[in-house]
C-alpha atoms as a PDB file:
ATOM      1  CA  ALA A   1     -22.335  -2.989-102.307  1.00  0.00           C
ATOM      2  CA  LEU A   2     -24.044  -0.280 -99.809  1.00  0.00           C
ATOM      3  CA  ALA A   3     -24.345   2.376-102.565  1.00  0.00           C
ATOM      4  CA  ARG A   4     -26.023  -0.003-104.796  1.00  0.00           C
ATOM      5  CA  ALA A   5     -28.580  -0.820-102.446  1.00  0.00           C
ATOM      6  CA  LEU A   6     -29.149   2.965-101.322  1.00  0.00           C
ATOM      7  CA  ILE A   7     -29.372   4.088-104.953  1.00  0.00           C
ATOM      8  CA  VAL A   8     -33.002   2.703-105.360  1.00  0.00           C
ATOM      9  CA  ARG A   9     -33.940   4.478-102.200  1.00  0.00           C
ATOM     10  CA  PRO A  10     -35.390   1.226-100.271  1.00  0.00           C
ATOM     11  CA  ARG A  11     -37.738   1.769 -97.490  1.00  0.00           C
ATOM     12  CA  VAL A  12     -35.713  -0.971 -95.424  1.00  0.00           C
ATOM     13  CA  LEU A  13     -31.916  -1.761 -95.597  1.00  0.00           C
ATOM     14  CA  LEU A  14     -30.747  -5.098 -94.295  1.00  0.00           C
ATOM     15  CA  LEU A  15     -27.145  -5.505 -93.471  1.00  0.00           C
ATOM     16  CA  ASP A  16     -26.020  -8.968 -92.779  1.00  0.00           C
ATOM     17  CA  GLU A  17     -22.733  -9.154 -91.176  1.00  0.00           C
ATOM     18  CA  PRO A  18     -21.397  -6.362 -93.062  1.00  0.00           C
ATOM     19  CA  LEU A  19     -18.077  -5.748 -91.319  1.00  0.00           C
ATOM     20  CA  SER A  20     -17.452  -9.573 -90.090  1.00  0.00           C
ATOM     21  CA  ASN A  21     -14.205  -9.689 -92.229  1.00  0.00           C
ATOM     22  CA  LEU A  22     -12.517  -6.569 -91.758  1.00  0.00           C
ATOM     23  CA  ASP A  23      -9.573  -5.792 -89.236  1.00  0.00           C
ATOM     24  CA  ALA A  24     -10.697  -3.885 -86.002  1.00  0.00           C
ATOM     25  CA  LYS A  25      -9.756  -0.331 -87.058  1.00  0.00           C
ATOM     26  CA  VAL A  26     -11.500  -0.398 -90.206  1.00  0.00           C
ATOM     27  CA  ARG A  27     -14.435  -1.971 -88.376  1.00  0.00           C
ATOM     28  CA  GLN A  28     -14.642   0.917 -85.934  1.00  0.00           C
ATOM     29  CA  ARG A  29     -14.310   3.498 -88.636  1.00  0.00           C
ATOM     30  CA  LEU A  30     -16.987   1.776 -90.690  1.00  0.00           C
ATOM     31  CA  ARG A  31     -19.452   1.748 -87.833  1.00  0.00           C
ATOM     32  CA  LEU A  32     -19.406   5.467 -87.450  1.00  0.00           C
ATOM     33  CA  GLU A  33     -19.700   5.824 -90.990  1.00  0.00           C
ATOM     34  CA  ILE A  34     -22.685   3.671 -91.402  1.00  0.00           C
ATOM     35  CA  ARG A  35     -24.692   4.891 -88.306  1.00  0.00           C
ATOM     36  CA  SER A  36     -23.790   8.644 -89.607  1.00  0.00           C
ATOM     37  CA  LEU A  37     -25.171   7.722 -93.058  1.00  0.00           C
ATOM     38  CA  GLN A  38     -28.235   5.743 -91.605  1.00  0.00           C
ATOM     39  CA  ARG A  39     -29.165   8.858 -89.338  1.00  0.00           C
ATOM     40  CA  ARG A  40     -28.673  11.180 -92.545  1.00  0.00           C
ATOM     41  CA  ILE A  41     -30.921   9.263 -94.945  1.00  0.00           C
ATOM     42  CA  GLY A  42     -33.237   8.230 -92.333  1.00  0.00           C
ATOM     43  CA  ILE A  43     -33.991   4.537 -93.741  1.00  0.00           C
ATOM     44  CA  THR A  44     -34.903   2.260 -91.042  1.00  0.00           C
ATOM     45  CA  THR A  45     -31.819  -0.386 -90.987  1.00  0.00           C
ATOM     46  CA  ILE A  46     -31.760  -3.866 -89.779  1.00  0.00           C
ATOM     47  CA  TYR A  47     -28.238  -4.883 -88.979  1.00  0.00           C
ATOM     48  CA  VAL A  48     -27.579  -8.610 -88.404  1.00  0.00           C
ATOM     49  CA  THR A  49     -24.288  -9.373 -86.260  1.00  0.00           C
ATOM     50  CA  HIS A  50     -22.754 -11.745 -83.855  1.00  0.00           C
ATOM     51  CA  ASP A  51     -20.670  -9.192 -82.311  1.00  0.00           C
ATOM     52  CA  GLN A  52     -22.303  -7.721 -79.179  1.00  0.00           C
ATOM     53  CA  GLU A  53     -20.244  -4.398 -79.295  1.00  0.00           C
ATOM     54  CA  GLU A  54     -21.698  -3.729 -82.953  1.00  0.00           C
ATOM     55  CA  ALA A  55     -25.075  -4.712 -81.558  1.00  0.00           C
ATOM     56  CA  LEU A  56     -24.972  -2.290 -78.530  1.00  0.00           C
ATOM     57  CA  SER A  57     -23.247   0.542 -79.959  1.00  0.00           C
ATOM     58  CA  MET A  58     -24.947   1.054 -83.356  1.00  0.00           C
ATOM     59  CA  SER A  59     -28.738  -0.058 -82.521  1.00  0.00           C
ATOM     60  CA  ASP A  60     -31.650   2.213 -81.246  1.00  0.00           C
ATOM     61  CA  VAL A  61     -33.503  -1.385 -80.387  1.00  0.00           C
ATOM     62  CA  VAL A  62     -31.496  -4.704 -79.928  1.00  0.00           C
ATOM     63  CA  VAL A  63     -33.506  -7.866 -80.765  1.00  0.00           C
ATOM     64  CA  VAL A  64     -31.673 -10.859 -79.496  1.00  0.00           C
ATOM     65  CA  MET A  65     -32.402 -14.214 -81.010  1.00  0.00           C
ATOM     66  CA  ASN A  66     -31.600 -18.025 -80.237  1.00  0.00           C
ATOM     67  CA  GLN A  67     -32.042 -20.810 -82.734  1.00  0.00           C
ATOM     68  CA  GLY A  68     -34.267 -18.445 -84.722  1.00  0.00           C
ATOM     69  CA  ARG A  69     -36.600 -17.207 -82.178  1.00  0.00           C
ATOM     70  CA  VAL A  70     -36.751 -13.680 -80.552  1.00  0.00           C
ATOM     71  CA  VAL A  71     -35.914 -13.917 -76.705  1.00  0.00           C
ATOM     72  CA  GLN A  72     -35.860 -10.457 -75.879  1.00  0.00           C
ATOM     73  CA  VAL A  73     -36.432  -6.831 -77.690  1.00  0.00           C
ATOM     74  CA  GLY A  74     -35.080  -3.726 -75.977  1.00  0.00           C
ATOM     75  CA  LYS A  75     -32.997  -0.527 -75.794  1.00  0.00           C
ATOM     76  CA  PRO A  76     -29.160  -1.393 -75.870  1.00  0.00           C
ATOM     77  CA  GLU A  77     -28.970  -0.425 -72.178  1.00  0.00           C
ATOM     78  CA  GLU A  78     -31.992  -2.505 -71.203  1.00  0.00           C
ATOM     79  CA  ILE A  79     -30.830  -5.504 -72.872  1.00  0.00           C
ATOM     80  CA  TYR A  80     -27.381  -5.349 -71.368  1.00  0.00           C
ATOM     81  CA  ARG A  81     -28.205  -4.269 -67.850  1.00  0.00           C
ATOM     82  CA  GLN A  82     -31.632  -6.126 -67.528  1.00  0.00           C
ATOM     83  CA  PRO A  83     -31.457  -9.378 -69.451  1.00  0.00           C
ATOM     84  CA  GLY A  84     -34.404 -11.594 -69.488  1.00  0.00           C
ATOM     85  CA  ASN A  85     -32.939 -15.043 -69.348  1.00  0.00           C
ATOM     86  CA  ALA A  86     -29.676 -16.711 -68.984  1.00  0.00           C
ATOM     87  CA  PHE A  87     -28.934 -16.846 -72.720  1.00  0.00           C
ATOM     88  CA  VAL A  88     -29.237 -13.152 -72.978  1.00  0.00           C
ATOM     89  CA  ALA A  89     -27.054 -12.643 -70.046  1.00  0.00           C
ATOM     90  CA  GLU A  90     -24.433 -14.666 -71.327  1.00  0.00           C
ATOM     91  CA  PHE A  91     -24.523 -13.424 -74.865  1.00  0.00           C
ATOM     92  CA  MET A  92     -24.646  -9.604 -74.101  1.00  0.00           C
ATOM     93  CA  GLY A  93     -21.254  -9.166 -72.498  1.00  0.00           C
ATOM     94  CA  VAL A  94     -18.444 -11.131 -71.010  1.00  0.00           C
ATOM     95  CA  SER A  95     -19.964 -12.746 -68.376  1.00  0.00           C
ATOM     96  CA  ASN A  96     -19.494 -15.702 -65.849  1.00  0.00           C
ATOM     97  CA  VAL A  97     -22.262 -18.536 -66.221  1.00  0.00           C
ATOM     98  CA  LEU A  98     -22.368 -20.975 -63.434  1.00  0.00           C
ATOM     99  CA  ARG A  99     -25.149 -24.010 -63.191  1.00  0.00           C
ATOM    100  CA  GLY A 100     -26.283 -24.872 -59.757  1.00  0.00           C
ATOM    101  CA  LYS A 101     -29.283 -26.041 -57.458  1.00  0.00           C
ATOM    102  CA  ILE A 102     -31.470 -24.335 -54.641  1.00  0.00           C
ATOM    103  CA  ALA A 103     -30.159 -26.127 -51.629  1.00  0.00           C
ATOM    104  CA  LEU A 104     -32.890 -28.372 -49.299  1.00  0.00           C
ATOM    105  CA  ASP A 105     -33.419 -25.262 -47.076  1.00  0.00           C
ATOM    106  CA  GLY A 106     -34.929 -23.448 -50.258  1.00  0.00           C
ATOM    107  CA  LYS A 107     -32.801 -20.100 -49.344  1.00  0.00           C
ATOM    108  CA  THR A 108     -29.480 -20.738 -51.034  1.00  0.00           C
ATOM    109  CA  VAL A 109     -28.093 -22.001 -54.358  1.00  0.00           C
ATOM    110  CA  ASP A 110     -24.951 -23.993 -54.553  1.00  0.00           C
ATOM    111  CA  ALA A 111     -22.712 -23.552 -57.712  1.00  0.00           C
ATOM    112  CA  GLY A 112     -19.293 -25.546 -57.657  1.00  0.00           C
ATOM    113  CA  GLY A 113     -18.852 -24.545 -53.949  1.00  0.00           C
ATOM    114  CA  ILE A 114     -20.291 -20.791 -54.222  1.00  0.00           C
ATOM    115  CA  SER A 115     -22.940 -20.322 -52.218  1.00  0.00           C
ATOM    116  CA  ILE A 116     -25.650 -17.571 -53.059  1.00  0.00           C
ATOM    117  CA  PRO A 117     -28.718 -16.508 -51.241  1.00  0.00           C
ATOM    118  CA  TYR A 118     -31.784 -17.195 -53.324  1.00  0.00           C
ATOM    119  CA  THR A 119     -35.246 -18.586 -52.704  1.00  0.00           C
ATOM    120  CA  GLY A 120     -36.927 -21.237 -54.661  1.00  0.00           C
ATOM    121  CA  ALA A 121     -37.890 -24.799 -54.762  1.00  0.00           C
ATOM    122  CA  PRO A 122     -35.294 -27.063 -53.315  1.00  0.00           C
ATOM    123  CA  GLY A 123     -33.441 -28.854 -55.641  1.00  0.00           C
ATOM    124  CA  SER A 124     -34.523 -26.624 -58.849  1.00  0.00           C
ATOM    125  CA  ALA A 125     -31.735 -26.110 -61.378  1.00  0.00           C
ATOM    126  CA  VAL A 126     -30.699 -22.328 -61.994  1.00  0.00           C
ATOM    127  CA  THR A 127     -28.254 -20.770 -63.845  1.00  0.00           C
ATOM    128  CA  ILE A 128     -26.181 -17.868 -62.111  1.00  0.00           C
ATOM    129  CA  VAL A 129     -24.834 -15.372 -64.329  1.00  0.00           C
ATOM    130  CA  PHE A 130     -22.397 -12.078 -63.355  1.00  0.00           C
ATOM    131  CA  LYS A 131     -20.165 -10.018 -65.681  1.00  0.00           C
ATOM    132  CA  ALA A 132     -16.627 -10.191 -65.465  1.00  0.00           C
ATOM    133  CA  ASP A 133     -15.973  -6.528 -64.511  1.00  0.00           C
ATOM    134  CA  GLU A 134     -18.138  -7.136 -61.598  1.00  0.00           C
ATOM    135  CA  ALA A 135     -16.084  -9.152 -59.528  1.00  0.00           C
ATOM    136  CA  GLU A 136     -13.754  -6.926 -57.592  1.00  0.00           C
ATOM    137  CA  PRO A 137     -10.457  -7.941 -55.343  1.00  0.00           C
ATOM    138  CA  ILE A 138     -10.406  -7.494 -51.821  1.00  0.00           C
ATOM    139  CA  ALA A 139      -7.786  -7.736 -49.033  1.00  0.00           C
ATOM    140  CA  ASP A 140      -7.650 -10.826 -46.952  1.00  0.00           C
ATOM    141  CA  GLY A 141     -10.133 -10.401 -43.897  1.00  0.00           C
ATOM    142  CA  ALA A 142     -11.868  -7.333 -45.242  1.00  0.00           C
ATOM    143  CA  ARG A 143     -15.494  -7.413 -44.990  1.00  0.00           C
ATOM    144  CA  ALA A 144     -17.795  -6.734 -48.102  1.00  0.00           C
ATOM    145  CA  ASP A 145     -21.456  -5.655 -47.034  1.00  0.00           C
ATOM    146  CA  ASP A 146     -24.050  -6.907 -49.326  1.00  0.00           C
ATOM    147  CA  ALA A 147     -21.700  -8.751 -51.420  1.00  0.00           C
ATOM    148  CA  ILE A 148     -20.846 -12.391 -51.940  1.00  0.00           C
ATOM    149  CA  VAL A 149     -17.285 -13.148 -51.443  1.00  0.00           C
ATOM    150  CA  ILE A 150     -15.359 -16.050 -53.068  1.00  0.00           C
ATOM    151  CA  GLU A 151     -11.731 -16.997 -53.488  1.00  0.00           C
ATOM    152  CA  GLY A 152      -9.742 -18.486 -55.797  1.00  0.00           C
ATOM    153  CA  ASP A 153      -6.522 -19.003 -57.642  1.00  0.00           C
ATOM    154  CA  VAL A 154      -5.427 -16.708 -60.734  1.00  0.00           C
ATOM    155  CA  ILE A 155      -4.162 -19.144 -63.191  1.00  0.00           C
ATOM    156  CA  GLU A 156      -3.634 -16.491 -66.195  1.00  0.00           C
ATOM    157  CA  ALA A 157      -4.016 -13.045 -66.935  1.00  0.00           C
ATOM    158  CA  PHE A 158      -4.031 -11.340 -70.580  1.00  0.00           C
ATOM    159  CA  PHE A 159      -3.550  -7.846 -71.190  1.00  0.00           C
ATOM    160  CA  PHE A 160      -6.105  -6.067 -73.620  1.00  0.00           C
ATOM    161  CA  GLY A 161      -4.822  -2.595 -73.459  1.00  0.00           C
ATOM    162  CA  ALA A 162      -7.460  -0.923 -71.431  1.00  0.00           C
ATOM    163  CA  MET A 163      -7.790  -3.504 -68.826  1.00  0.00           C
ATOM    164  CA  TYR A 164      -6.457  -7.267 -67.698  1.00  0.00           C
ATOM    165  CA  ARG A 165      -8.611 -10.343 -68.091  1.00  0.00           C
ATOM    166  CA  HIS A 166      -7.708 -12.787 -65.158  1.00  0.00           C
ATOM    167  CA  PHE A 167      -8.791 -16.187 -65.406  1.00  0.00           C
ATOM    168  CA  VAL A 168      -9.359 -17.236 -61.749  1.00  0.00           C
ATOM    169  CA  ASN A 169     -10.149 -21.205 -60.534  1.00  0.00           C
ATOM    170  CA  VAL A 170     -12.871 -20.899 -57.995  1.00  0.00           C
ATOM    171  CA  SER A 171     -13.739 -24.494 -56.808  1.00  0.00           C
ATOM    172  CA  GLY A 172     -13.218 -26.010 -60.067  1.00  0.00           C
ATOM    173  CA  ASN A 173     -14.959 -23.223 -62.063  1.00  0.00           C
ATOM    174  CA  THR A 174     -12.988 -20.745 -64.154  1.00  0.00           C
ATOM    175  CA  ILE A 175     -14.003 -17.194 -63.393  1.00  0.00           C
ATOM    176  CA  LEU A 176     -13.362 -14.352 -65.462  1.00  0.00           C
ATOM    177  CA  VAL A 177     -12.328 -11.133 -63.836  1.00  0.00           C
ATOM    178  CA  ASP A 178     -11.656  -7.646 -65.776  1.00  0.00           C
ATOM    179  CA  ARG A 179      -9.740  -5.337 -63.929  1.00  0.00           C
ATOM    180  CA  PRO A 180      -7.961  -1.933 -64.959  1.00  0.00           C
ATOM    181  CA  THR A 181      -4.734  -3.338 -63.489  1.00  0.00           C
ATOM    182  CA  ARG A 182      -3.171  -6.958 -63.134  1.00  0.00           C
ATOM    183  CA  ILE A 183      -3.822  -8.625 -60.053  1.00  0.00           C
ATOM    184  CA  GLN A 184      -0.309  -9.310 -58.435  1.00  0.00           C
ATOM    185  CA  ALA A 185      -1.271 -12.321 -55.736  1.00  0.00           C
ATOM    186  CA  GLN A 186      -1.893 -15.716 -56.922  1.00  0.00           C
ATOM    187  CA  ARG A 187      -4.553 -16.547 -54.223  1.00  0.00           C
ATOM    188  CA  VAL A 188      -7.382 -13.769 -54.423  1.00  0.00           C
ATOM    189  CA  ARG A 189     -10.735 -13.187 -52.699  1.00  0.00           C
ATOM    190  CA  LEU A 190     -13.356 -11.617 -55.066  1.00  0.00           C
ATOM    191  CA  ALA A 191     -16.411 -10.000 -54.079  1.00  0.00           C
ATOM    192  CA  ILE A 192     -19.488  -9.463 -56.223  1.00  0.00           C
ATOM    193  CA  ALA A 193     -22.239  -7.159 -55.286  1.00  0.00           C
ATOM    194  CA  ARG A 194     -25.488  -9.163 -54.591  1.00  0.00           C
ATOM    195  CA  ASP A 195     -27.802  -6.959 -57.096  1.00  0.00           C
ATOM    196  CA  LYS A 196     -25.143  -7.748 -59.698  1.00  0.00           C
ATOM    197  CA  ILE A 197     -25.568 -11.402 -59.395  1.00  0.00           C
ATOM    198  CA  LEU A 198     -28.600 -12.787 -61.728  1.00  0.00           C
ATOM    199  CA  VAL A 199     -30.326 -16.066 -60.943  1.00  0.00           C
ATOM    200  CA  PHE A 200     -32.446 -17.478 -63.542  1.00  0.00           C
ATOM    201  CA  ALA A 201     -34.557 -20.573 -63.182  1.00  0.00           C
ATOM    202  CA  GLU A 202     -33.881 -23.180 -65.938  1.00  0.00           C
ATOM    203  CA  THR A 203     -36.855 -24.424 -67.983  1.00  0.00           C
END
């Protein structure tokens, strides 16, 4: 199908979920093949995918859409590290998403027992987002400067080869924690750097 599309020398090539029905190893190899081919022939290519890894690894520019509307455009690194709203932050990468409200003092957000410094209108609803690999276990009694510390119970852990994904119950919220080694303790303290926690006002 790709050869038939290219033989007419189009000015723009549209690929709509081209690798969605392939197994993981074939997908990895064909990503490289498609990207190398695109660079070699120099045709502008629009690649439609719901796979965040494909979008980040293969694109020069990422366009994130929600319900048919463009919500952010940027380079892959910008989209991943500087999402413009909660939808983009949650969509691009394995993220924890918590709903909360700004406290009456207007200086903190409470999200299911997790308190985070944030200035805003008291009572306003906000969405809190941080990535699974940004929660780091710390020892009991240890201090974590310029970080939010939360406590919870590990309820499950899955092995993904390069890392373990832990499911941690924190005040009724399930938090994902990705670490290179398995967390052995059931009760765990987690530190998340404040500059890694994104807070978005709900509109």
